[in-house]
Protein backbone atom coordinates (compact mmCIF):
# COMPACT_ATOMS: atom_id res chain seq x y z
CA MET A 1 -10.52 -3.81 7.34
CA ARG A 2 -12.66 -5.98 9.58
CA GLU A 3 -13.72 -4.61 12.94
CA GLY A 4 -15.62 -7.19 14.94
CA LEU A 5 -17.74 -9.96 13.50
CA PHE A 6 -20.05 -7.97 11.22
CA ASP A 7 -18.46 -4.53 10.86
CA HIS A 8 -16.06 -3.50 8.10
CA LYS A 9 -14.10 -0.29 7.89
CA THR A 10 -13.09 1.27 4.59
CA ASP A 11 -10.73 4.22 4.17
CA PHE A 12 -9.88 5.98 0.92
CA PHE A 13 -6.86 8.10 0.11
CA GLY A 14 -5.42 9.59 -3.04
CA ARG A 15 -2.52 8.03 -4.89
CA ASN A 16 -0.61 11.30 -4.74
CA THR A 17 -0.52 11.15 -0.92
CA ILE A 18 1.42 7.85 -0.83
CA GLU A 19 5.02 8.33 0.27
CA THR A 20 6.20 4.75 0.78
CA VAL A 21 4.89 1.23 0.42
CA SER A 22 6.72 -1.64 2.09
CA HIS A 23 6.22 -5.28 2.98
CA THR A 24 7.56 -7.73 5.55
CA GLN A 25 7.55 -11.49 5.84
CA ASN A 26 8.34 -12.35 9.42
CA THR A 27 8.80 -16.11 9.47
CA PHE A 28 9.97 -18.91 7.23
CA ARG A 29 6.36 -20.08 7.08
CA ASP A 30 5.31 -16.67 5.71
CA LYS A 31 7.85 -17.07 2.91
CA ILE A 32 6.69 -20.60 2.08
CA PHE A 33 3.02 -19.61 1.90
CA ALA A 34 3.75 -16.18 0.33
CA ARG A 35 2.03 -14.25 3.12
CA GLY A 36 3.13 -11.14 4.92
CA ASN A 37 2.34 -7.64 6.05
CA LEU A 38 1.94 -4.52 3.94
CA LEU A 39 2.49 -0.96 5.17
CA ILE A 40 1.37 2.11 3.23
CA LYS A 41 2.76 5.36 4.60
CA LEU A 42 1.07 8.59 3.56
CA ASP A 43 2.18 12.17 3.91
CA ARG A 44 1.73 13.70 7.36
CA ASP A 45 3.03 10.44 8.93
CA ILE A 46 -0.23 8.50 8.50
CA GLU A 47 0.29 4.73 8.26
CA TYR A 48 -2.05 2.02 7.00
CA PRO A 49 -0.87 -1.47 8.02
CA PHE A 50 -2.38 -4.56 6.42
CA GLU A 51 -1.67 -7.98 7.92
CA ASN A 52 -1.64 -11.47 6.38
CA ILE A 53 -1.67 -10.30 2.76
CA ASN A 54 -1.19 -12.84 -0.02
CA ARG A 55 1.99 -12.16 -2.01
CA PRO A 56 2.90 -8.86 -0.32
CA ARG A 57 5.85 -8.12 -2.63
CA LYS A 58 3.62 -8.42 -5.68
CA GLN A 59 1.02 -6.13 -4.06
CA VAL A 60 3.69 -3.48 -3.37
CA GLU A 61 4.82 -3.64 -7.00
CA ARG A 62 1.22 -3.35 -8.18
CA ILE A 63 0.49 -0.32 -5.96
CA LEU A 64 3.64 1.48 -7.09
CA ARG A 65 2.93 0.69 -10.75
CA TYR A 66 -0.61 2.12 -10.48
CA LYS A 67 0.71 5.14 -8.61
CA GLU A 68 3.14 5.91 -11.43
CA LYS A 69 0.60 5.22 -14.14
CA TYR A 70 -2.35 7.14 -12.71
CA GLY A 71 -0.66 9.55 -10.32
CA PRO A 72 -0.24 13.26 -10.97
CA ASN A 73 1.84 14.08 -14.00
CA LYS A 74 4.91 16.03 -12.90
CA SER A 75 5.67 17.33 -16.40
CA THR A 76 2.58 19.56 -16.54
CA ASP A 77 4.36 22.57 -15.08
CA LYS A 78 4.28 25.41 -17.60
CA ASP A 79 7.38 27.58 -17.77
CA ILE A 80 6.44 30.66 -19.78
């Protein structure tokens, strides 16, 4: 995320903290040029908005696919 002319801000969070990922395309022009906004919502009501993303729907699908592939495995519970 760019802050000012020369400063960048980077935040990291774990895949297992992602609750929802959504996208919006506000105008007809956004749909034509495949641009839009992306919103990643984490647990504890923390939101990370990203604006003017190329192909936001594809990015949402990619994030969810990686979350499922590399996220915590729910079948590791041992019932003895």
